[in-house]
Amino acid sequence: MTKLMQTDLSPDGARIVVNWKKFTPGSSVFIPAINTRKAVEDVLEATGLAKKDLVIRVRVENGLYGVRVWRVR
């Protein structure tokens, strides 16, 4: 089993790896997750950004439930 890194997400127990260096202002990422609250907590912890720097929406995309996060600052 691969070790979960601090910058990885795991809102539902499955490891999600995001290249946070490319998560620049104006970009977005979709995190498929049932536990959307935990997904948001994981994003905030992994990025070190404040909530005011992000726009967060719970959505269904391509049949998957999750969270779309846009970086605005």
N, C-alpha and C. Protein backbone atom coordinates (compact mmCIF):
# COMPACT_ATOMS: atom_id res chain seq x y z
N MET A 1 0.84 -1.18 0.00
CA MET A 1 0.00 0.00 0.00
C MET A 1 0.88 1.24 0.00
N THR A 2 0.56 2.21 -0.85
CA THR A 2 1.32 3.43 -0.96
C THR A 2 0.98 4.35 0.20
N LYS A 3 2.00 4.95 0.78
CA LYS A 3 1.81 5.84 1.92
C LYS A 3 1.09 7.12 1.47
N LEU A 4 0.14 7.56 2.26
CA LEU A 4 -0.60 8.79 1.98
C LEU A 4 0.27 9.98 2.36
N MET A 5 0.53 10.85 1.40
CA MET A 5 1.34 12.04 1.63
C MET A 5 0.44 13.15 2.16
N GLN A 6 1.03 14.15 2.82
CA GLN A 6 0.26 15.25 3.39
C GLN A 6 -0.51 16.01 2.31
N THR A 7 0.02 16.04 1.09
CA THR A 7 -0.63 16.78 0.02
C THR A 7 -1.64 15.93 -0.75
N ASP A 8 -1.78 14.66 -0.42
CA ASP A 8 -2.77 13.79 -1.05
C ASP A 8 -4.12 13.98 -0.35
N LEU A 9 -5.17 13.62 -1.05
CA LEU A 9 -6.51 13.68 -0.49
C LEU A 9 -7.03 12.26 -0.27
N SER A 10 -7.90 12.11 0.69
CA SER A 10 -8.50 10.80 0.95
C SER A 10 -9.85 10.96 1.65
N PRO A 11 -10.79 11.70 1.04
CA PRO A 11 -12.05 11.96 1.74
C PRO A 11 -12.91 10.72 1.96
N ASP A 12 -12.81 9.73 1.09
CA ASP A 12 -13.62 8.51 1.24
C ASP A 12 -12.76 7.27 1.44
N GLY A 13 -11.48 7.47 1.74
CA GLY A 13 -10.59 6.35 1.97
C GLY A 13 -9.74 5.96 0.78
N ALA A 14 -10.06 6.44 -0.40
CA ALA A 14 -9.26 6.17 -1.59
C ALA A 14 -8.31 7.34 -1.83
N ARG A 15 -7.06 7.05 -2.13
CA ARG A 15 -6.04 8.08 -2.31
C ARG A 15 -6.27 8.84 -3.62
N ILE A 16 -6.26 10.18 -3.52
CA ILE A 16 -6.37 11.06 -4.68
C ILE A 16 -5.14 11.95 -4.69
N VAL A 17 -4.40 11.92 -5.78
CA VAL A 17 -3.18 12.71 -5.90
C VAL A 17 -3.44 13.87 -6.84
N VAL A 18 -3.12 15.09 -6.39
CA VAL A 18 -3.29 16.29 -7.19
C VAL A 18 -1.95 17.01 -7.23
N ASN A 19 -1.56 17.50 -8.40
CA ASN A 19 -0.34 18.29 -8.51
C ASN A 19 -0.68 19.72 -8.09
N TRP A 20 -0.51 20.03 -6.82
CA TRP A 20 -0.91 21.32 -6.27
C TRP A 20 -0.05 22.46 -6.81
N LYS A 21 1.12 22.18 -7.35
CA LYS A 21 1.95 23.24 -7.94
C LYS A 21 1.27 23.85 -9.16
N LYS A 22 0.42 23.08 -9.82
CA LYS A 22 -0.31 23.57 -10.99
C LYS A 22 -1.66 24.19 -10.62
N PHE A 23 -1.99 24.17 -9.34
CA PHE A 23 -3.26 24.73 -8.87
C PHE A 23 -3.06 26.23 -8.61
N THR A 24 -2.98 26.97 -9.68
CA THR A 24 -2.70 28.40 -9.65
C THR A 24 -4.00 29.19 -9.74
N PRO A 25 -3.97 30.48 -9.40
CA PRO A 25 -5.19 31.28 -9.52
C PRO A 25 -5.79 31.17 -10.92
N GLY A 26 -7.10 30.91 -10.97
CA GLY A 26 -7.81 30.73 -12.23
C GLY A 26 -8.01 29.27 -12.61
N SER A 27 -7.36 28.36 -11.90
CA SER A 27 -7.52 26.93 -12.22
C SER A 27 -8.53 26.29 -11.26
N SER A 28 -8.94 25.07 -11.61
CA SER A 28 -9.88 24.35 -10.75
C SER A 28 -9.56 22.87 -10.77
N VAL A 29 -10.11 22.17 -9.79
CA VAL A 29 -9.94 20.72 -9.70
C VAL A 29 -11.26 20.13 -9.20
N PHE A 30 -11.62 18.97 -9.76
CA PHE A 30 -12.80 18.25 -9.30
C PHE A 30 -12.33 17.08 -8.45
N ILE A 31 -12.87 16.99 -7.24
CA ILE A 31 -12.54 15.90 -6.31
C ILE A 31 -13.77 15.03 -6.17
N PRO A 32 -13.77 13.82 -6.77
CA PRO A 32 -14.91 12.93 -6.58
C PRO A 32 -14.95 12.44 -5.13
N ALA A 33 -16.09 12.63 -4.48
CA ALA A 33 -16.19 12.25 -3.07
C ALA A 33 -17.63 12.24 -2.61
N ILE A 34 -17.97 11.28 -1.78
CA ILE A 34 -19.26 11.26 -1.11
C ILE A 34 -19.19 12.19 0.11
N ASN A 35 -18.09 12.11 0.84
CA ASN A 35 -17.88 12.94 2.02
C ASN A 35 -17.29 14.28 1.57
N THR A 36 -18.16 15.16 1.08
CA THR A 36 -17.69 16.43 0.51
C THR A 36 -17.09 17.35 1.57
N ARG A 37 -17.59 17.29 2.77
CA ARG A 37 -17.04 18.11 3.86
C ARG A 37 -15.58 17.75 4.11
N LYS A 38 -15.29 16.45 4.14
CA LYS A 38 -13.91 15.98 4.35
C LYS A 38 -13.04 16.34 3.15
N ALA A 39 -13.61 16.29 1.96
CA ALA A 39 -12.86 16.66 0.75
C ALA A 39 -12.41 18.11 0.83
N VAL A 40 -13.30 18.99 1.27
CA VAL A 40 -12.94 20.41 1.42
C VAL A 40 -11.86 20.58 2.49
N GLU A 41 -12.01 19.90 3.61
CA GLU A 41 -11.00 19.95 4.67
C GLU A 41 -9.65 19.49 4.15
N ASP A 42 -9.64 18.40 3.38
CA ASP A 42 -8.40 17.87 2.81
C ASP A 42 -7.76 18.87 1.85
N VAL A 43 -8.56 19.53 1.02
CA VAL A 43 -8.04 20.52 0.08
C VAL A 43 -7.40 21.68 0.84
N LEU A 44 -8.09 22.18 1.85
CA LEU A 44 -7.55 23.29 2.64
C LEU A 44 -6.24 22.91 3.31
N GLU A 45 -6.18 21.70 3.86
CA GLU A 45 -4.96 21.24 4.52
C GLU A 45 -3.83 21.02 3.52
N ALA A 46 -4.13 20.40 2.39
CA ALA A 46 -3.09 20.09 1.40
C ALA A 46 -2.51 21.33 0.75
N THR A 47 -3.35 22.34 0.51
CA THR A 47 -2.89 23.54 -0.19
C THR A 47 -2.35 24.60 0.76
N GLY A 48 -2.83 24.61 1.99
CA GLY A 48 -2.45 25.66 2.92
C GLY A 48 -3.14 26.98 2.62
N LEU A 49 -4.13 26.94 1.73
CA LEU A 49 -4.87 28.15 1.36
C LEU A 49 -6.03 28.38 2.32
N ALA A 50 -6.48 29.63 2.39
CA ALA A 50 -7.66 29.98 3.19
C ALA A 50 -8.90 29.79 2.33
N LYS A 51 -10.04 29.60 2.97
CA LYS A 51 -11.30 29.43 2.24
C LYS A 51 -11.60 30.63 1.35
N LYS A 52 -11.18 31.82 1.76
CA LYS A 52 -11.44 33.03 0.97
C LYS A 52 -10.68 33.02 -0.36
N ASP A 53 -9.68 32.16 -0.49
CA ASP A 53 -8.90 32.05 -1.72
C ASP A 53 -9.52 31.08 -2.71
N LEU A 54 -10.61 30.43 -2.31
CA LEU A 54 -11.23 29.37 -3.11
C LEU A 54 -12.73 29.61 -3.30
N VAL A 55 -13.25 29.09 -4.39
CA VAL A 55 -14.70 28.96 -4.58
C VAL A 55 -14.97 27.47 -4.60
N ILE A 56 -15.89 27.03 -3.76
CA ILE A 56 -16.13 25.59 -3.58
C ILE A 56 -17.60 25.30 -3.86
N ARG A 57 -17.85 24.31 -4.72
CA ARG A 57 -19.22 23.92 -5.06
C ARG A 57 -19.33 22.39 -5.06
N VAL A 58 -20.38 21.88 -4.42
CA VAL A 58 -20.70 20.46 -4.50
C VAL A 58 -21.45 20.26 -5.81
N ARG A 59 -21.01 19.27 -6.60
CA ARG A 59 -21.55 19.09 -7.95
C ARG A 59 -21.57 17.62 -8.34
N VAL A 60 -22.29 17.35 -9.41
CA VAL A 60 -22.22 16.06 -10.10
C VAL A 60 -21.60 16.34 -11.46
N GLU A 61 -20.47 15.70 -11.75
CA GLU A 61 -19.79 15.87 -13.03
C GLU A 61 -19.52 14.49 -13.63
N ASN A 62 -19.92 14.32 -14.87
CA ASN A 62 -19.75 13.04 -15.56
C ASN A 62 -20.28 11.88 -14.72
N GLY A 63 -21.39 12.11 -14.04
CA GLY A 63 -22.02 11.06 -13.24
C GLY A 63 -21.38 10.82 -11.88
N LEU A 64 -20.38 11.62 -11.51
CA LEU A 64 -19.70 11.46 -10.22
C LEU A 64 -20.05 12.61 -9.29
N TYR A 65 -20.38 12.28 -8.06
CA TYR A 65 -20.67 13.27 -7.03
C TYR A 65 -19.36 13.72 -6.41
N GLY A 66 -19.21 15.01 -6.16
CA GLY A 66 -17.98 15.48 -5.55
C GLY A 66 -17.96 16.98 -5.37
N VAL A 67 -16.75 17.53 -5.32
CA VAL A 67 -16.54 18.95 -5.06
C VAL A 67 -15.66 19.53 -6.17
N ARG A 68 -16.10 20.63 -6.76
CA ARG A 68 -15.26 21.40 -7.69
C ARG A 68 -14.70 22.57 -6.90
N VAL A 69 -13.38 22.74 -6.94
CA VAL A 69 -12.71 23.82 -6.22
C VAL A 69 -11.97 24.69 -7.22
N TRP A 70 -12.28 25.97 -7.23
CA TRP A 70 -11.59 26.94 -8.06
C TRP A 70 -10.67 27.78 -7.18
N ARG A 71 -9.46 28.02 -7.63
CA ARG A 71 -8.57 28.93 -6.90
C ARG A 71 -8.75 30.32 -7.48
N VAL A 72 -9.13 31.29 -6.66
CA VAL A 72 -9.37 32.64 -7.14
C VAL A 72 -8.26 33.61 -6.74
N ARG A 73 -7.45 33.25 -5.77
CA ARG A 73 -6.32 34.11 -5.35
C ARG A 73 -5.07 33.29 -5.21
